All heavy atoms as atom14 arrays in JSON, in Angstrom:
{
  "sequence": "ERSLAPRSVSRLFRPPAAVFDDAQLEVLDRHGYRAVLGSTYPFDTS",
  "atom14_mask": [
    [1, 1, 1, 1, 1, 1, 1, 1, 1, 0, 0, 0, 0, 0],
    [1, 1, 1, 1, 1, 1, 1, 1, 1, 1, 1, 0, 0, 0],
    [1, 1, 1, 1, 1, 1, 0, 0, 0, 0, 0, 0, 0, 0],
    [1, 1, 1, 1, 1, 1, 1, 1, 0, 0, 0, 0, 0, 0],
    [1, 1, 1, 1, 1, 0, 0, 0, 0, 0, 0, 0, 0, 0],
    [1, 1, 1, 1, 1, 1, 1, 0, 0, 0, 0, 0, 0, 0],
    [1, 1, 1, 1, 1, 1, 1, 1, 1, 1, 1, 0, 0, 0],
    [1, 1, 1, 1, 1, 1, 0, 0, 0, 0, 0, 0, 0, 0],
    [1, 1, 1, 1, 1, 1, 1, 0, 0, 0, 0, 0, 0, 0],
    [1, 1, 1, 1, 1, 1, 0, 0, 0, 0, 0, 0, 0, 0],
    [1, 1, 1, 1, 1, 1, 1, 1, 1, 1, 1, 0, 0, 0],
    [1, 1, 1, 1, 1, 1, 1, 1, 0, 0, 0, 0, 0, 0],
    [1, 1, 1, 1, 1, 1, 1, 1, 1, 1, 1, 0, 0, 0],
    [1, 1, 1, 1, 1, 1, 1, 1, 1, 1, 1, 0, 0, 0],
    [1, 1, 1, 1, 1, 1, 1, 0, 0, 0, 0, 0, 0, 0],
    [1, 1, 1, 1, 1, 1, 1, 0, 0, 0, 0, 0, 0, 0],
    [1, 1, 1, 1, 1, 0, 0, 0, 0, 0, 0, 0, 0, 0],
    [1, 1, 1, 1, 1, 0, 0, 0, 0, 0, 0, 0, 0, 0],
    [1, 1, 1, 1, 1, 1, 1, 0, 0, 0, 0, 0, 0, 0],
    [1, 1, 1, 1, 1, 1, 1, 1, 1, 1, 1, 0, 0, 0],
    [1, 1, 1, 1, 1, 1, 1, 1, 0, 0, 0, 0, 0, 0],
    [1, 1, 1, 1, 1, 1, 1, 1, 0, 0, 0, 0, 0, 0],
    [1, 1, 1, 1, 1, 0, 0, 0, 0, 0, 0, 0, 0, 0],
    [1, 1, 1, 1, 1, 1, 1, 1, 1, 0, 0, 0, 0, 0],
    [1, 1, 1, 1, 1, 1, 1, 1, 0, 0, 0, 0, 0, 0],
    [1, 1, 1, 1, 1, 1, 1, 1, 1, 0, 0, 0, 0, 0],
    [1, 1, 1, 1, 1, 1, 1, 0, 0, 0, 0, 0, 0, 0],
    [1, 1, 1, 1, 1, 1, 1, 1, 0, 0, 0, 0, 0, 0],
    [1, 1, 1, 1, 1, 1, 1, 1, 0, 0, 0, 0, 0, 0],
    [1, 1, 1, 1, 1, 1, 1, 1, 1, 1, 1, 0, 0, 0],
    [1, 1, 1, 1, 1, 1, 1, 1, 1, 1, 0, 0, 0, 0],
    [1, 1, 1, 1, 0, 0, 0, 0, 0, 0, 0, 0, 0, 0],
    [1, 1, 1, 1, 1, 1, 1, 1, 1, 1, 1, 1, 0, 0],
    [1, 1, 1, 1, 1, 1, 1, 1, 1, 1, 1, 0, 0, 0],
    [1, 1, 1, 1, 1, 0, 0, 0, 0, 0, 0, 0, 0, 0],
    [1, 1, 1, 1, 1, 1, 1, 0, 0, 0, 0, 0, 0, 0],
    [1, 1, 1, 1, 1, 1, 1, 1, 0, 0, 0, 0, 0, 0],
    [1, 1, 1, 1, 0, 0, 0, 0, 0, 0, 0, 0, 0, 0],
    [1, 1, 1, 1, 1, 1, 0, 0, 0, 0, 0, 0, 0, 0],
    [1, 1, 1, 1, 1, 1, 1, 0, 0, 0, 0, 0, 0, 0],
    [1, 1, 1, 1, 1, 1, 1, 1, 1, 1, 1, 1, 0, 0],
    [1, 1, 1, 1, 1, 1, 1, 0, 0, 0, 0, 0, 0, 0],
    [1, 1, 1, 1, 1, 1, 1, 1, 1, 1, 1, 0, 0, 0],
    [1, 1, 1, 1, 1, 1, 1, 1, 0, 0, 0, 0, 0, 0],
    [1, 1, 1, 1, 1, 1, 1, 0, 0, 0, 0, 0, 0, 0],
    [1, 1, 1, 1, 1, 1, 0, 0, 0, 0, 0, 0, 0, 0]
  ],
  "atom14_positions": [
    [[139.47, 87.03, 136.54], [139.96, 86.62, 137.92], [140.31, 85.11, 137.92], [141.32, 84.75, 138.42], [138.88, 86.94, 138.93], [138.72, 88.36, 139.22], [137.49, 88.63, 140.18], [136.81, 87.67, 140.58], [137.21, 89.83, 140.5], [0.0, 0.0, 0.0], [0.0, 0.0, 0.0], [0.0, 0.0, 0.0], [0.0, 0.0, 0.0], [0.0, 0.0, 0.0]],
    [[139.42, 84.34, 137.33], [139.65, 82.84, 137.26], [140.87, 82.54, 136.44], [141.68, 81.61, 136.74], [138.42, 82.19, 136.71], [137.23, 82.18, 137.58], [136.01, 81.67, 136.84], [134.77, 82.01, 137.57], [133.58, 81.98, 137.03], [133.42, 81.73, 135.77], [132.5, 82.36, 137.73], [0.0, 0.0, 0.0], [0.0, 0.0, 0.0], [0.0, 0.0, 0.0]],
    [[141.08, 83.25, 135.3], [142.23, 83.01, 134.47], [143.49, 83.34, 135.22], [144.56, 82.67, 135.02], [142.15, 83.86, 133.18], [141.1, 83.49, 132.43], [0.0, 0.0, 0.0], [0.0, 0.0, 0.0], [0.0, 0.0, 0.0], [0.0, 0.0, 0.0], [0.0, 0.0, 0.0], [0.0, 0.0, 0.0], [0.0, 0.0, 0.0], [0.0, 0.0, 0.0]],
    [[143.49, 84.4, 136.02], [144.73, 84.82, 136.75], [144.97, 84.11, 138.03], [146.11, 84.08, 138.58], [144.6, 86.31, 137.06], [144.68, 87.22, 135.77], [144.33, 88.67, 136.14], [146.14, 87.19, 135.2], [0.0, 0.0, 0.0], [0.0, 0.0, 0.0], [0.0, 0.0, 0.0], [0.0, 0.0, 0.0], [0.0, 0.0, 0.0], [0.0, 0.0, 0.0]],
    [[143.96, 83.44, 138.57], [144.17, 82.64, 139.85], [145.17, 81.55, 139.64], [145.29, 80.94, 138.53], [142.8, 82.09, 140.25], [0.0, 0.0, 0.0], [0.0, 0.0, 0.0], [0.0, 0.0, 0.0], [0.0, 0.0, 0.0], [0.0, 0.0, 0.0], [0.0, 0.0, 0.0], [0.0, 0.0, 0.0], [0.0, 0.0, 0.0], [0.0, 0.0, 0.0]],
    [[145.95, 81.23, 140.63], [146.02, 81.76, 142.01], [146.91, 82.98, 142.19], [147.28, 83.24, 143.3], [146.44, 80.58, 142.8], [147.46, 79.95, 141.94], [146.92, 80.13, 140.54], [0.0, 0.0, 0.0], [0.0, 0.0, 0.0], [0.0, 0.0, 0.0], [0.0, 0.0, 0.0], [0.0, 0.0, 0.0], [0.0, 0.0, 0.0], [0.0, 0.0, 0.0]],
    [[147.3, 83.6, 141.14], [148.24, 84.7, 141.25], [147.55, 85.87, 142.03], [146.37, 86.06, 141.9], [148.67, 85.18, 139.85], [149.3, 84.08, 139.04], [149.43, 84.52, 137.53], [149.81, 83.37, 136.7], [148.93, 82.55, 136.2], [147.66, 82.74, 136.43], [149.29, 81.59, 135.43], [0.0, 0.0, 0.0], [0.0, 0.0, 0.0], [0.0, 0.0, 0.0]],
    [[148.35, 86.61, 142.7], [147.86, 87.82, 143.39], [147.51, 88.95, 142.41], [148.32, 89.31, 141.59], [148.91, 88.32, 144.46], [148.42, 89.46, 145.08], [0.0, 0.0, 0.0], [0.0, 0.0, 0.0], [0.0, 0.0, 0.0], [0.0, 0.0, 0.0], [0.0, 0.0, 0.0], [0.0, 0.0, 0.0], [0.0, 0.0, 0.0], [0.0, 0.0, 0.0]],
    [[146.24, 89.38, 142.41], [145.82, 90.39, 141.46], [145.21, 91.56, 142.22], [144.45, 91.41, 143.16], [144.73, 89.79, 140.56], [144.26, 90.8, 139.53], [145.28, 88.52, 139.79], [0.0, 0.0, 0.0], [0.0, 0.0, 0.0], [0.0, 0.0, 0.0], [0.0, 0.0, 0.0], [0.0, 0.0, 0.0], [0.0, 0.0, 0.0], [0.0, 0.0, 0.0]],
    [[145.56, 92.75, 141.77], [145.04, 93.96, 142.44], [143.55, 94.13, 142.08], [143.06, 93.48, 141.17], [145.84, 95.17, 141.96], [145.55, 95.44, 140.57], [0.0, 0.0, 0.0], [0.0, 0.0, 0.0], [0.0, 0.0, 0.0], [0.0, 0.0, 0.0], [0.0, 0.0, 0.0], [0.0, 0.0, 0.0], [0.0, 0.0, 0.0], [0.0, 0.0, 0.0]],
    [[142.89, 95.06, 142.76], [141.5, 95.31, 142.46], [141.4, 96.56, 141.58], [140.49, 97.44, 141.67], [140.7, 95.57, 143.73], [140.76, 94.44, 144.7], [140.18, 93.17, 144.15], [138.73, 93.23, 144.08], [137.93, 92.22, 143.68], [138.47, 91.12, 143.25], [136.62, 92.39, 143.65], [0.0, 0.0, 0.0], [0.0, 0.0, 0.0], [0.0, 0.0, 0.0]],
    [[142.36, 96.68, 140.64], [142.39, 97.75, 139.65], [141.91, 97.24, 138.36], [142.27, 96.15, 137.87], [143.81, 98.28, 139.49], [144.5, 98.8, 140.81], [145.91, 99.22, 140.51], [143.72, 99.96, 141.41], [0.0, 0.0, 0.0], [0.0, 0.0, 0.0], [0.0, 0.0, 0.0], [0.0, 0.0, 0.0], [0.0, 0.0, 0.0], [0.0, 0.0, 0.0]],
    [[141.07, 98.03, 137.63], [140.5, 97.63, 136.39], [140.73, 98.72, 135.37], [140.42, 99.9, 135.56], [139.0, 97.38, 136.54], [138.34, 97.03, 135.2], [138.43, 95.75, 134.76], [137.58, 97.99, 134.5], [137.81, 95.41, 133.53], [136.99, 97.65, 133.32], [137.12, 96.35, 132.84], [0.0, 0.0, 0.0], [0.0, 0.0, 0.0], [0.0, 0.0, 0.0]],
    [[141.28, 98.38, 134.25], [141.46, 99.36, 133.14], [140.41, 99.03, 132.07], [140.5, 98.01, 131.44], [142.85, 99.36, 132.56], [143.02, 100.31, 131.37], [144.47, 100.64, 131.15], [144.91, 101.6, 132.15], [146.22, 101.91, 132.38], [147.13, 101.36, 131.59], [146.54, 102.8, 133.31], [0.0, 0.0, 0.0], [0.0, 0.0, 0.0], [0.0, 0.0, 0.0]],
    [[139.49, 99.98, 131.84], [138.47, 99.79, 130.82], [139.11, 99.59, 129.42], [139.98, 100.33, 129.08], [137.6, 101.05, 130.84], [137.86, 101.6, 132.23], [139.28, 101.28, 132.5], [0.0, 0.0, 0.0], [0.0, 0.0, 0.0], [0.0, 0.0, 0.0], [0.0, 0.0, 0.0], [0.0, 0.0, 0.0], [0.0, 0.0, 0.0], [0.0, 0.0, 0.0]],
    [[138.71, 98.54, 128.67], [139.26, 98.4, 127.34], [139.06, 99.59, 126.46], [137.94, 100.21, 126.49], [138.44, 97.21, 126.78], [138.03, 96.4, 128.03], [137.79, 97.53, 129.07], [0.0, 0.0, 0.0], [0.0, 0.0, 0.0], [0.0, 0.0, 0.0], [0.0, 0.0, 0.0], [0.0, 0.0, 0.0], [0.0, 0.0, 0.0], [0.0, 0.0, 0.0]],
    [[140.04, 99.99, 125.74], [140.02, 101.19, 124.89], [139.7, 102.49, 125.62], [139.37, 103.49, 125.06], [139.03, 100.98, 123.76], [0.0, 0.0, 0.0], [0.0, 0.0, 0.0], [0.0, 0.0, 0.0], [0.0, 0.0, 0.0], [0.0, 0.0, 0.0], [0.0, 0.0, 0.0], [0.0, 0.0, 0.0], [0.0, 0.0, 0.0], [0.0, 0.0, 0.0]],
    [[139.82, 102.38, 126.97], [139.59, 103.56, 127.88], [138.15, 104.05, 127.69], [137.84, 105.24, 127.99], [140.56, 104.69, 127.56], [0.0, 0.0, 0.0], [0.0, 0.0, 0.0], [0.0, 0.0, 0.0], [0.0, 0.0, 0.0], [0.0, 0.0, 0.0], [0.0, 0.0, 0.0], [0.0, 0.0, 0.0], [0.0, 0.0, 0.0], [0.0, 0.0, 0.0]],
    [[137.2, 103.2, 127.31], [135.84, 103.58, 127.17], [135.06, 103.13, 128.41], [135.05, 102.01, 128.78], [135.2, 102.87, 125.89], [133.72, 103.21, 125.83], [135.89, 103.39, 124.69], [0.0, 0.0, 0.0], [0.0, 0.0, 0.0], [0.0, 0.0, 0.0], [0.0, 0.0, 0.0], [0.0, 0.0, 0.0], [0.0, 0.0, 0.0], [0.0, 0.0, 0.0]],
    [[134.39, 104.12, 129.0], [133.61, 103.82, 130.24], [132.41, 104.76, 130.3], [132.39, 105.79, 129.58], [134.49, 103.89, 131.47], [134.97, 105.31, 131.74], [134.26, 106.21, 132.54], [136.17, 105.74, 131.21], [134.74, 107.47, 132.8], [136.64, 107.02, 131.43], [135.93, 107.9, 132.23], [0.0, 0.0, 0.0], [0.0, 0.0, 0.0], [0.0, 0.0, 0.0]],
    [[131.46, 104.44, 131.2], [130.38, 105.36, 131.48], [130.11, 105.28, 132.94], [130.66, 104.48, 133.66], [129.17, 105.04, 130.59], [128.7, 103.63, 130.71], [129.0, 102.96, 131.76], [127.98, 103.12, 129.81], [0.0, 0.0, 0.0], [0.0, 0.0, 0.0], [0.0, 0.0, 0.0], [0.0, 0.0, 0.0], [0.0, 0.0, 0.0], [0.0, 0.0, 0.0]],
    [[129.17, 106.13, 133.4], [128.92, 106.18, 134.83], [128.34, 104.83, 135.36], [128.72, 104.43, 136.48], [127.85, 107.26, 135.12], [128.49, 108.66, 134.99], [129.7, 108.74, 135.07], [127.71, 109.59, 134.71], [0.0, 0.0, 0.0], [0.0, 0.0, 0.0], [0.0, 0.0, 0.0], [0.0, 0.0, 0.0], [0.0, 0.0, 0.0], [0.0, 0.0, 0.0]],
    [[127.54, 104.18, 134.52], [126.94, 102.9, 134.98], [128.08, 101.85, 135.2], [128.03, 101.1, 136.15], [125.97, 102.4, 133.99], [0.0, 0.0, 0.0], [0.0, 0.0, 0.0], [0.0, 0.0, 0.0], [0.0, 0.0, 0.0], [0.0, 0.0, 0.0], [0.0, 0.0, 0.0], [0.0, 0.0, 0.0], [0.0, 0.0, 0.0], [0.0, 0.0, 0.0]],
    [[129.07, 101.86, 134.34], [130.14, 100.89, 134.42], [130.96, 101.2, 135.69], [131.39, 100.28, 136.47], [131.12, 101.01, 133.24], [132.27, 100.04, 133.28], [133.21, 100.34, 132.12], [134.46, 100.03, 132.21], [132.71, 100.8, 130.99], [0.0, 0.0, 0.0], [0.0, 0.0, 0.0], [0.0, 0.0, 0.0], [0.0, 0.0, 0.0], [0.0, 0.0, 0.0]],
    [[131.19, 102.45, 135.99], [131.91, 102.82, 137.2], [131.15, 102.44, 138.44], [131.79, 102.0, 139.42], [132.2, 104.35, 137.21], [133.06, 104.9, 136.05], [133.19, 106.41, 136.16], [134.45, 104.24, 136.06], [0.0, 0.0, 0.0], [0.0, 0.0, 0.0], [0.0, 0.0, 0.0], [0.0, 0.0, 0.0], [0.0, 0.0, 0.0], [0.0, 0.0, 0.0]],
    [[129.85, 102.53, 138.44], [129.07, 102.13, 139.61], [129.23, 100.61, 139.81], [129.3, 100.12, 140.94], [127.57, 102.5, 139.37], [127.32, 103.95, 139.38], [127.54, 104.6, 140.79], [127.49, 103.86, 141.73], [127.75, 105.86, 140.85], [0.0, 0.0, 0.0], [0.0, 0.0, 0.0], [0.0, 0.0, 0.0], [0.0, 0.0, 0.0], [0.0, 0.0, 0.0]],
    [[129.16, 99.82, 138.74], [129.3, 98.35, 138.82], [130.65, 98.04, 139.4], [130.84, 97.16, 140.31], [129.12, 97.7, 137.51], [129.44, 96.25, 137.59], [127.71, 97.91, 136.96], [0.0, 0.0, 0.0], [0.0, 0.0, 0.0], [0.0, 0.0, 0.0], [0.0, 0.0, 0.0], [0.0, 0.0, 0.0], [0.0, 0.0, 0.0], [0.0, 0.0, 0.0]],
    [[131.74, 98.65, 138.93], [133.04, 98.4, 139.45], [133.19, 98.7, 140.89], [133.73, 97.97, 141.69], [134.04, 99.25, 138.62], [134.25, 98.89, 137.12], [135.19, 99.91, 136.47], [134.82, 97.51, 136.97], [0.0, 0.0, 0.0], [0.0, 0.0, 0.0], [0.0, 0.0, 0.0], [0.0, 0.0, 0.0], [0.0, 0.0, 0.0], [0.0, 0.0, 0.0]],
    [[132.56, 99.85, 141.28], [132.59, 100.2, 142.67], [131.91, 99.2, 143.58], [132.38, 98.82, 144.65], [131.94, 101.66, 142.83], [132.11, 102.2, 144.23], [133.28, 102.26, 144.71], [131.06, 102.58, 144.84], [0.0, 0.0, 0.0], [0.0, 0.0, 0.0], [0.0, 0.0, 0.0], [0.0, 0.0, 0.0], [0.0, 0.0, 0.0], [0.0, 0.0, 0.0]],
    [[130.76, 98.68, 143.11], [130.01, 97.73, 143.88], [130.75, 96.42, 144.07], [130.54, 95.69, 145.03], [128.6, 97.48, 143.25], [127.57, 98.52, 143.5], [126.21, 98.03, 143.2], [125.98, 97.75, 141.79], [125.59, 98.71, 140.96], [125.39, 99.97, 141.31], [125.37, 98.33, 139.68], [0.0, 0.0, 0.0], [0.0, 0.0, 0.0], [0.0, 0.0, 0.0]],
    [[131.6, 96.18, 143.11], [132.33, 94.86, 143.19], [133.75, 95.02, 143.65], [134.59, 94.12, 143.43], [132.26, 94.18, 141.82], [130.85, 93.64, 141.5], [130.4, 92.4, 141.86], [129.81, 94.27, 140.86], [129.17, 92.28, 141.48], [128.8, 93.38, 140.82], [0.0, 0.0, 0.0], [0.0, 0.0, 0.0], [0.0, 0.0, 0.0], [0.0, 0.0, 0.0]],
    [[134.04, 96.19, 144.22], [135.35, 96.39, 144.83], [136.45, 96.75, 143.92], [137.64, 96.57, 144.29], [0.0, 0.0, 0.0], [0.0, 0.0, 0.0], [0.0, 0.0, 0.0], [0.0, 0.0, 0.0], [0.0, 0.0, 0.0], [0.0, 0.0, 0.0], [0.0, 0.0, 0.0], [0.0, 0.0, 0.0], [0.0, 0.0, 0.0], [0.0, 0.0, 0.0]],
    [[136.16, 97.23, 142.71], [137.21, 97.56, 141.76], [137.34, 99.1, 141.6], [136.38, 99.79, 141.83], [136.94, 97.0, 140.36], [137.37, 95.57, 140.23], [136.58, 94.5, 140.55], [138.62, 95.3, 139.72], [136.99, 93.17, 140.38], [139.12, 93.97, 139.56], [138.27, 92.94, 139.9], [138.7, 91.65, 139.76], [0.0, 0.0, 0.0], [0.0, 0.0, 0.0]],
    [[138.51, 99.5, 141.24], [138.75, 100.96, 140.92], [139.22, 101.08, 139.51], [140.17, 100.36, 139.02], [139.84, 101.54, 141.86], [140.2, 103.03, 141.57], [139.15, 103.9, 142.16], [139.41, 105.3, 141.86], [140.15, 106.16, 142.59], [140.77, 105.67, 143.69], [140.3, 107.42, 142.24], [0.0, 0.0, 0.0], [0.0, 0.0, 0.0], [0.0, 0.0, 0.0]],
    [[138.52, 101.93, 138.72], [138.89, 102.16, 137.34], [140.18, 102.98, 137.28], [140.3, 103.96, 137.98], [137.77, 102.84, 136.57], [0.0, 0.0, 0.0], [0.0, 0.0, 0.0], [0.0, 0.0, 0.0], [0.0, 0.0, 0.0], [0.0, 0.0, 0.0], [0.0, 0.0, 0.0], [0.0, 0.0, 0.0], [0.0, 0.0, 0.0], [0.0, 0.0, 0.0]],
    [[141.09, 102.55, 136.4], [142.42, 103.25, 136.31], [142.62, 103.59, 134.8], [142.6, 102.73, 134.02], [143.56, 102.35, 136.8], [144.87, 103.09, 136.65], [143.32, 102.01, 138.28], [0.0, 0.0, 0.0], [0.0, 0.0, 0.0], [0.0, 0.0, 0.0], [0.0, 0.0, 0.0], [0.0, 0.0, 0.0], [0.0, 0.0, 0.0], [0.0, 0.0, 0.0]],
    [[142.93, 104.86, 134.55], [143.42, 105.22, 133.25], [144.88, 105.69, 133.32], [145.76, 104.92, 133.55], [142.46, 106.27, 132.62], [141.12, 105.79, 132.25], [140.23, 106.9, 131.59], [141.18, 104.54, 131.31], [0.0, 0.0, 0.0], [0.0, 0.0, 0.0], [0.0, 0.0, 0.0], [0.0, 0.0, 0.0], [0.0, 0.0, 0.0], [0.0, 0.0, 0.0]],
    [[145.09, 107.01, 133.25], [146.5, 107.47, 133.36], [146.55, 108.93, 132.97], [145.53, 109.53, 132.59], [0.0, 0.0, 0.0], [0.0, 0.0, 0.0], [0.0, 0.0, 0.0], [0.0, 0.0, 0.0], [0.0, 0.0, 0.0], [0.0, 0.0, 0.0], [0.0, 0.0, 0.0], [0.0, 0.0, 0.0], [0.0, 0.0, 0.0], [0.0, 0.0, 0.0]],
    [[147.71, 109.49, 133.1], [147.88, 110.94, 132.72], [148.85, 111.09, 131.57], [149.0, 112.23, 131.09], [148.49, 111.65, 133.95], [149.69, 111.08, 134.4], [0.0, 0.0, 0.0], [0.0, 0.0, 0.0], [0.0, 0.0, 0.0], [0.0, 0.0, 0.0], [0.0, 0.0, 0.0], [0.0, 0.0, 0.0], [0.0, 0.0, 0.0], [0.0, 0.0, 0.0]],
    [[149.37, 110.03, 131.05], [150.2, 110.05, 129.82], [149.88, 108.79, 129.01], [149.48, 107.77, 129.63], [151.7, 110.11, 130.09], [152.09, 108.99, 130.87], [152.11, 111.42, 130.77], [0.0, 0.0, 0.0], [0.0, 0.0, 0.0], [0.0, 0.0, 0.0], [0.0, 0.0, 0.0], [0.0, 0.0, 0.0], [0.0, 0.0, 0.0], [0.0, 0.0, 0.0]],
    [[150.12, 108.85, 127.68], [149.62, 107.76, 126.85], [150.69, 107.24, 125.88], [151.74, 107.82, 125.74], [148.32, 108.21, 126.2], [147.24, 108.37, 127.18], [147.02, 109.63, 127.74], [146.51, 107.27, 127.59], [146.02, 109.77, 128.73], [145.6, 107.46, 128.6], [145.32, 108.7, 129.17], [144.37, 108.83, 130.13], [0.0, 0.0, 0.0], [0.0, 0.0, 0.0]],
    [[150.42, 106.12, 125.15], [151.41, 105.37, 124.42], [152.43, 106.1, 123.56], [153.56, 105.72, 123.45], [150.58, 104.39, 123.57], [149.41, 104.19, 124.37], [149.09, 105.51, 124.97], [0.0, 0.0, 0.0], [0.0, 0.0, 0.0], [0.0, 0.0, 0.0], [0.0, 0.0, 0.0], [0.0, 0.0, 0.0], [0.0, 0.0, 0.0], [0.0, 0.0, 0.0]],
    [[152.01, 107.23, 122.87], [152.94, 107.88, 121.98], [153.91, 108.77, 122.71], [154.64, 109.56, 122.15], [152.22, 108.69, 120.94], [151.12, 109.53, 121.43], [151.32, 110.77, 122.02], [149.78, 109.14, 121.26], [150.32, 111.51, 122.44], [148.74, 109.86, 121.72], [149.0, 111.09, 122.36], [0.0, 0.0, 0.0], [0.0, 0.0, 0.0], [0.0, 0.0, 0.0]],
    [[153.92, 108.68, 124.07], [154.81, 109.51, 124.89], [156.3, 109.36, 124.54], [157.12, 110.21, 124.76], [154.64, 109.24, 126.37], [153.21, 109.5, 126.77], [152.53, 110.21, 126.07], [152.73, 108.94, 127.78], [0.0, 0.0, 0.0], [0.0, 0.0, 0.0], [0.0, 0.0, 0.0], [0.0, 0.0, 0.0], [0.0, 0.0, 0.0], [0.0, 0.0, 0.0]],
    [[156.69, 108.15, 124.12], [158.04, 107.87, 123.82], [158.63, 108.69, 122.64], [159.78, 109.02, 122.61], [158.3, 106.38, 123.45], [157.33, 105.98, 122.43], [158.01, 105.48, 124.67], [0.0, 0.0, 0.0], [0.0, 0.0, 0.0], [0.0, 0.0, 0.0], [0.0, 0.0, 0.0], [0.0, 0.0, 0.0], [0.0, 0.0, 0.0], [0.0, 0.0, 0.0]],
    [[157.75, 109.08, 121.77], [158.14, 109.87, 120.61], [157.82, 111.36, 120.83], [158.43, 112.23, 120.19], [157.52, 109.36, 119.29], [156.07, 109.45, 119.39], [0.0, 0.0, 0.0], [0.0, 0.0, 0.0], [0.0, 0.0, 0.0], [0.0, 0.0, 0.0], [0.0, 0.0, 0.0], [0.0, 0.0, 0.0], [0.0, 0.0, 0.0], [0.0, 0.0, 0.0]]
  ]
}
């Protein structure tokens, strides 16, 4: 957040390497973030 300030940043968080657990999701929720993954992935172009 500090690195991106003062730019407008959404409250969306993508877990690095798409690795997460329930405890992480609870922490994100408490701090106003929503975890985001996706329904399609990088090799979709090929």
